[in-house]
N, C-alpha and C. Protein backbone atom coordinates (compact mmCIF):
# COMPACT_ATOMS: atom_id res chain seq x y z
N MET A 1 86.83 90.46 97.41
CA MET A 1 88.22 90.27 97.67
C MET A 1 88.53 90.34 99.15
N ALA A 2 87.70 89.84 99.96
CA ALA A 2 87.94 89.86 101.39
C ALA A 2 89.20 89.07 101.71
N LEU A 3 90.01 89.60 102.58
CA LEU A 3 91.22 88.91 102.97
C LEU A 3 90.91 87.77 103.92
N LEU A 4 91.67 86.72 103.77
CA LEU A 4 91.54 85.62 104.71
C LEU A 4 92.34 85.95 105.95
N PRO A 5 91.84 85.62 107.14
CA PRO A 5 92.59 85.91 108.36
C PRO A 5 93.84 85.04 108.43
N ILE A 6 94.85 85.55 109.11
CA ILE A 6 96.06 84.78 109.34
C ILE A 6 95.77 83.77 110.44
N LYS A 7 96.12 82.54 110.19
CA LYS A 7 95.86 81.47 111.16
C LYS A 7 97.16 81.14 111.89
N SER A 8 97.13 81.14 113.21
CA SER A 8 98.30 80.76 113.98
C SER A 8 98.10 79.42 114.66
N GLY A 9 96.92 78.94 114.66
CA GLY A 9 96.57 77.65 115.25
C GLY A 9 95.24 77.24 114.67
N PRO A 10 94.65 76.18 115.17
CA PRO A 10 93.38 75.76 114.61
C PRO A 10 92.31 76.84 114.75
N ASP A 11 91.94 77.41 113.61
CA ASP A 11 90.87 78.42 113.55
C ASP A 11 91.09 79.64 114.44
N ARG A 12 92.33 80.03 114.66
CA ARG A 12 92.62 81.21 115.47
C ARG A 12 93.11 82.33 114.57
N GLU A 13 92.63 83.52 114.84
CA GLU A 13 93.08 84.69 114.09
C GLU A 13 94.16 85.41 114.88
N GLU A 14 95.08 86.00 114.15
CA GLU A 14 96.18 86.72 114.76
C GLU A 14 96.23 88.13 114.17
N GLU A 15 96.37 89.13 115.00
CA GLU A 15 96.42 90.50 114.52
C GLU A 15 97.80 90.81 113.96
N ARG A 16 97.84 91.58 112.90
CA ARG A 16 99.08 92.08 112.34
C ARG A 16 99.12 93.58 112.57
N PRO A 17 100.29 94.15 112.80
CA PRO A 17 100.35 95.60 112.94
C PRO A 17 99.85 96.27 111.66
N GLY A 18 98.93 97.20 111.78
CA GLY A 18 98.39 97.92 110.64
C GLY A 18 97.40 97.15 109.80
N SER A 19 97.06 95.94 110.23
CA SER A 19 96.19 95.11 109.39
C SER A 19 94.79 95.70 109.28
N SER A 20 94.31 96.35 110.31
CA SER A 20 92.95 96.89 110.21
C SER A 20 92.87 97.99 109.16
N LEU A 21 93.90 98.81 109.04
CA LEU A 21 93.92 99.86 108.02
C LEU A 21 94.00 99.23 106.63
N LEU A 22 94.86 98.25 106.47
CA LEU A 22 94.98 97.56 105.19
C LEU A 22 93.68 96.85 104.84
N ASP A 23 93.09 96.18 105.81
CA ASP A 23 91.83 95.48 105.57
C ASP A 23 90.73 96.45 105.16
N LYS A 24 90.68 97.61 105.81
CA LYS A 24 89.67 98.62 105.44
C LYS A 24 89.89 99.12 104.02
N TYR A 25 91.15 99.36 103.68
CA TYR A 25 91.47 99.82 102.33
C TYR A 25 91.06 98.77 101.30
N LEU A 26 91.42 97.52 101.54
CA LEU A 26 91.09 96.45 100.59
C LEU A 26 89.59 96.21 100.50
N ALA A 27 88.89 96.35 101.62
CA ALA A 27 87.43 96.20 101.60
C ALA A 27 86.80 97.31 100.76
N THR A 28 87.31 98.53 100.90
CA THR A 28 86.81 99.65 100.11
C THR A 28 87.10 99.43 98.63
N LEU A 29 88.32 99.00 98.35
CA LEU A 29 88.71 98.73 96.97
C LEU A 29 87.80 97.67 96.35
N HIS A 30 87.56 96.59 97.08
CA HIS A 30 86.68 95.52 96.60
C HIS A 30 85.27 96.06 96.35
N SER A 31 84.76 96.82 97.28
CA SER A 31 83.42 97.37 97.17
C SER A 31 83.29 98.26 95.93
N GLU A 32 84.29 99.10 95.70
CA GLU A 32 84.26 100.00 94.55
C GLU A 32 84.36 99.23 93.24
N ARG A 33 85.22 98.23 93.20
CA ARG A 33 85.35 97.42 91.99
C ARG A 33 84.07 96.65 91.70
N MET A 34 83.48 96.09 92.74
CA MET A 34 82.25 95.33 92.56
C MET A 34 81.13 96.25 92.09
N ALA A 35 81.07 97.45 92.66
CA ALA A 35 80.06 98.43 92.23
C ALA A 35 80.23 98.77 90.76
N MET A 36 81.46 98.87 90.29
CA MET A 36 81.71 99.17 88.88
C MET A 36 81.27 98.02 87.99
N VAL A 37 81.54 96.79 88.40
CA VAL A 37 81.10 95.62 87.62
C VAL A 37 79.57 95.61 87.52
N VAL A 38 78.91 95.83 88.64
CA VAL A 38 77.43 95.86 88.65
C VAL A 38 76.93 96.98 87.74
N HIS A 39 77.54 98.15 87.82
CA HIS A 39 77.13 99.28 86.99
C HIS A 39 77.30 98.96 85.51
N LEU A 40 78.45 98.41 85.14
CA LEU A 40 78.70 98.09 83.73
C LEU A 40 77.70 97.08 83.18
N VAL A 41 77.43 96.04 83.96
CA VAL A 41 76.55 94.97 83.49
C VAL A 41 75.07 95.34 83.62
N ASP A 42 74.67 95.78 84.81
CA ASP A 42 73.24 96.01 85.06
C ASP A 42 72.73 97.36 84.56
N THR A 43 73.53 98.40 84.66
CA THR A 43 73.07 99.73 84.26
C THR A 43 73.36 100.02 82.79
N LEU A 44 74.58 99.75 82.37
CA LEU A 44 74.96 100.05 80.99
C LEU A 44 74.68 98.91 80.03
N GLY A 45 74.42 97.73 80.56
CA GLY A 45 74.07 96.59 79.71
C GLY A 45 75.24 95.92 79.01
N VAL A 46 76.44 96.06 79.57
CA VAL A 46 77.60 95.41 78.97
C VAL A 46 77.45 93.89 79.12
N ASN A 47 77.65 93.19 78.03
CA ASN A 47 77.56 91.73 78.02
C ASN A 47 78.69 91.15 78.88
N PRO A 48 78.39 90.26 79.84
CA PRO A 48 79.44 89.70 80.70
C PRO A 48 80.41 88.77 79.96
N ASN A 49 80.15 88.53 78.68
CA ASN A 49 81.08 87.74 77.86
C ASN A 49 81.88 88.61 76.90
N THR A 50 81.84 89.93 77.11
CA THR A 50 82.55 90.86 76.24
C THR A 50 84.05 90.62 76.31
N LEU A 51 84.68 90.68 75.15
CA LEU A 51 86.13 90.50 75.06
C LEU A 51 86.87 91.80 75.33
N ASP A 52 88.11 91.67 75.75
CA ASP A 52 88.94 92.83 76.00
C ASP A 52 89.78 93.21 74.78
N GLN A 53 89.57 92.51 73.66
CA GLN A 53 90.28 92.79 72.43
C GLN A 53 89.47 92.21 71.26
N PRO A 54 89.70 92.69 70.06
CA PRO A 54 88.95 92.15 68.92
C PRO A 54 89.24 90.65 68.72
N VAL A 55 88.24 89.93 68.22
CA VAL A 55 88.39 88.50 67.96
C VAL A 55 89.56 88.28 67.01
N GLY A 56 90.41 87.31 67.35
CA GLY A 56 91.55 86.98 66.51
C GLY A 56 92.82 87.73 66.86
N TRP A 57 92.70 88.76 67.65
CA TRP A 57 93.89 89.50 68.06
C TRP A 57 94.55 88.77 69.22
N SER A 58 95.84 89.04 69.39
CA SER A 58 96.57 88.42 70.49
C SER A 58 97.46 89.47 71.15
N LEU A 59 96.82 90.35 71.90
CA LEU A 59 97.55 91.39 72.61
C LEU A 59 98.10 90.83 73.91
N GLY A 60 99.28 91.22 74.28
CA GLY A 60 99.86 90.75 75.54
C GLY A 60 99.07 91.22 76.74
N ASN A 61 99.00 90.39 77.75
CA ASN A 61 98.31 90.68 79.00
C ASN A 61 96.82 90.97 78.82
N HIS A 62 96.22 90.39 77.83
CA HIS A 62 94.78 90.45 77.62
C HIS A 62 94.28 89.02 77.70
N TRP A 63 93.29 88.78 78.54
CA TRP A 63 92.89 87.40 78.85
C TRP A 63 91.51 87.03 78.36
N GLY A 64 90.81 87.92 77.68
CA GLY A 64 89.51 87.54 77.14
C GLY A 64 88.34 88.18 77.86
N THR A 65 87.54 87.35 78.50
CA THR A 65 86.31 87.79 79.14
C THR A 65 86.56 88.18 80.60
N PRO A 66 85.59 88.85 81.22
CA PRO A 66 85.74 89.17 82.65
C PRO A 66 86.00 87.92 83.51
N LEU A 67 85.33 86.81 83.20
CA LEU A 67 85.58 85.59 83.98
C LEU A 67 87.02 85.12 83.84
N CYS A 68 87.61 85.33 82.67
CA CYS A 68 89.01 84.94 82.48
C CYS A 68 89.93 85.75 83.39
N TYR A 69 89.61 87.04 83.56
CA TYR A 69 90.41 87.87 84.47
C TYR A 69 90.26 87.40 85.91
N VAL A 70 89.05 87.07 86.30
CA VAL A 70 88.82 86.58 87.67
C VAL A 70 89.56 85.26 87.86
N ALA A 71 89.50 84.39 86.86
CA ALA A 71 90.17 83.09 86.94
C ALA A 71 91.67 83.24 87.13
N ARG A 72 92.25 84.27 86.53
CA ARG A 72 93.70 84.50 86.63
C ARG A 72 94.09 85.34 87.85
N SER A 73 93.11 85.77 88.62
CA SER A 73 93.42 86.62 89.78
C SER A 73 94.14 85.82 90.86
N ASN A 74 94.65 86.53 91.83
CA ASN A 74 95.36 85.92 92.95
C ASN A 74 94.48 84.85 93.59
N PRO A 75 94.95 83.60 93.66
CA PRO A 75 94.13 82.53 94.21
C PRO A 75 93.81 82.70 95.70
N HIS A 76 94.46 83.64 96.35
CA HIS A 76 94.19 83.88 97.77
C HIS A 76 93.10 84.93 97.97
N TRP A 77 92.71 85.62 96.92
CA TRP A 77 91.64 86.60 97.01
C TRP A 77 90.30 85.91 96.93
N ASP A 78 89.32 86.45 97.59
CA ASP A 78 87.98 85.88 97.56
C ASP A 78 87.23 86.44 96.36
N CYS A 79 87.10 85.62 95.34
CA CYS A 79 86.45 86.04 94.10
C CYS A 79 85.00 85.59 94.03
N THR A 80 84.45 85.16 95.15
CA THR A 80 83.10 84.58 95.17
C THR A 80 82.06 85.55 94.63
N GLU A 81 82.01 86.75 95.16
CA GLU A 81 80.95 87.70 94.80
C GLU A 81 80.96 88.04 93.32
N VAL A 82 82.11 88.39 92.78
CA VAL A 82 82.16 88.79 91.38
C VAL A 82 81.93 87.60 90.45
N THR A 83 82.45 86.43 90.81
CA THR A 83 82.25 85.25 89.97
C THR A 83 80.78 84.87 89.93
N GLN A 84 80.13 84.82 91.09
CA GLN A 84 78.71 84.47 91.12
C GLN A 84 77.87 85.51 90.37
N PHE A 85 78.20 86.77 90.54
CA PHE A 85 77.46 87.83 89.84
C PHE A 85 77.56 87.64 88.33
N LEU A 86 78.78 87.45 87.83
CA LEU A 86 78.96 87.29 86.39
C LEU A 86 78.25 86.05 85.86
N LEU A 87 78.33 84.95 86.60
CA LEU A 87 77.65 83.72 86.18
C LEU A 87 76.13 83.92 86.15
N GLN A 88 75.60 84.60 87.16
CA GLN A 88 74.15 84.86 87.21
C GLN A 88 73.70 85.76 86.06
N ARG A 89 74.60 86.58 85.56
CA ARG A 89 74.25 87.50 84.48
C ARG A 89 74.57 86.91 83.10
N GLY A 90 74.93 85.64 83.06
CA GLY A 90 75.10 84.97 81.77
C GLY A 90 76.52 84.74 81.31
N ALA A 91 77.50 85.03 82.14
CA ALA A 91 78.89 84.77 81.74
C ALA A 91 79.08 83.26 81.54
N ASP A 92 79.80 82.91 80.49
CA ASP A 92 80.02 81.51 80.13
C ASP A 92 81.45 81.12 80.49
N PRO A 93 81.64 80.26 81.51
CA PRO A 93 83.00 79.88 81.91
C PRO A 93 83.71 79.02 80.86
N GLY A 94 82.97 78.45 79.93
CA GLY A 94 83.58 77.60 78.91
C GLY A 94 83.86 78.32 77.60
N LEU A 95 83.62 79.63 77.58
CA LEU A 95 83.84 80.41 76.37
C LEU A 95 85.34 80.53 76.10
N VAL A 96 85.78 80.07 74.95
CA VAL A 96 87.20 80.10 74.60
C VAL A 96 87.47 81.36 73.80
N MET A 97 88.22 82.26 74.38
CA MET A 97 88.55 83.50 73.71
C MET A 97 90.05 83.77 73.74
N ASP A 98 90.77 82.98 74.48
CA ASP A 98 92.21 83.13 74.57
C ASP A 98 92.82 82.57 73.28
N PRO A 99 93.81 83.23 72.69
CA PRO A 99 94.42 82.72 71.46
C PRO A 99 94.99 81.30 71.61
N ALA A 100 95.35 80.92 72.82
CA ALA A 100 95.87 79.57 73.06
C ALA A 100 94.75 78.54 73.16
N GLY A 101 93.50 79.00 73.14
CA GLY A 101 92.37 78.08 73.22
C GLY A 101 91.94 77.75 74.63
N TRP A 102 92.34 78.58 75.58
CA TRP A 102 91.99 78.34 76.98
C TRP A 102 90.74 79.10 77.35
N ASP A 103 89.87 78.45 78.12
CA ASP A 103 88.70 79.13 78.68
C ASP A 103 89.04 79.55 80.10
N SER A 104 88.08 80.14 80.80
CA SER A 104 88.36 80.62 82.16
C SER A 104 88.70 79.46 83.10
N ILE A 105 88.15 78.29 82.85
CA ILE A 105 88.44 77.13 83.70
C ILE A 105 89.90 76.72 83.55
N GLU A 106 90.39 76.67 82.31
CA GLU A 106 91.79 76.32 82.09
C GLU A 106 92.71 77.39 82.67
N LEU A 107 92.34 78.65 82.51
CA LEU A 107 93.15 79.72 83.10
C LEU A 107 93.21 79.60 84.62
N ALA A 108 92.08 79.26 85.24
CA ALA A 108 92.06 79.08 86.70
C ALA A 108 92.94 77.91 87.12
N LYS A 109 92.89 76.82 86.37
CA LYS A 109 93.75 75.67 86.68
C LYS A 109 95.21 76.06 86.60
N ARG A 110 95.59 76.76 85.56
CA ARG A 110 96.98 77.16 85.37
C ARG A 110 97.42 78.20 86.42
N SER A 111 96.45 78.96 86.94
CA SER A 111 96.74 79.95 87.98
C SER A 111 96.58 79.39 89.38
N LYS A 112 96.21 78.12 89.46
CA LYS A 112 95.97 77.44 90.75
C LYS A 112 94.90 78.17 91.57
N ASN A 113 93.85 78.62 90.87
CA ASN A 113 92.76 79.36 91.52
C ASN A 113 91.62 78.39 91.82
N GLN A 114 91.82 77.58 92.86
CA GLN A 114 90.86 76.55 93.22
C GLN A 114 89.52 77.14 93.66
N ARG A 115 89.57 78.28 94.29
CA ARG A 115 88.33 78.94 94.73
C ARG A 115 87.42 79.20 93.53
N PHE A 116 87.98 79.76 92.47
CA PHE A 116 87.21 80.02 91.25
C PHE A 116 86.65 78.72 90.69
N LEU A 117 87.47 77.69 90.62
CA LEU A 117 87.03 76.40 90.08
C LEU A 117 85.88 75.82 90.90
N ASP A 118 85.97 75.94 92.22
CA ASP A 118 84.90 75.44 93.09
C ASP A 118 83.59 76.20 92.86
N ILE A 119 83.68 77.51 92.73
CA ILE A 119 82.48 78.32 92.51
C ILE A 119 81.81 77.92 91.20
N VAL A 120 82.61 77.78 90.14
CA VAL A 120 82.05 77.41 88.84
C VAL A 120 81.46 76.01 88.89
N GLU A 121 82.14 75.09 89.54
CA GLU A 121 81.61 73.72 89.65
C GLU A 121 80.28 73.70 90.39
N ASN A 122 80.19 74.44 91.50
CA ASN A 122 78.93 74.52 92.25
C ASN A 122 77.83 75.16 91.40
N TRP A 123 78.18 76.17 90.63
CA TRP A 123 77.21 76.84 89.76
C TRP A 123 76.69 75.88 88.69
N LYS A 124 77.59 75.09 88.11
CA LYS A 124 77.19 74.13 87.07
C LYS A 124 76.28 73.04 87.65
N ALA A 125 76.50 72.69 88.91
CA ALA A 125 75.74 71.60 89.55
C ALA A 125 74.30 72.00 89.85
N ARG A 126 73.97 73.27 89.77
CA ARG A 126 72.60 73.74 90.08
C ARG A 126 71.60 73.22 89.11
């Protein structure tokens, strides 16, 4: 979830007051979240296609698989590391688990998460 720098001109970065503290906090948060994902999948053996609710249920604010959550995340966040990790561990971007019949790709399209779509497309092209 690395933040993108603020651009004030062609490829120029601009400092914001307090941005270094915020950036450090967000970098720590990203690192801790990524460590938890790695722990759950690699250490505990959680399937990267595990659902967040029983099959057939339709609980509000539940989106299905971990990739579905990444697909619905803020399109300005860098989801590269977690998306690639989940794909490498067997996550299926085409798995339909949403009651509406949407997979992570459809959720990303509806969330305008082009970064996620690009990562999945590059992964499929391998």
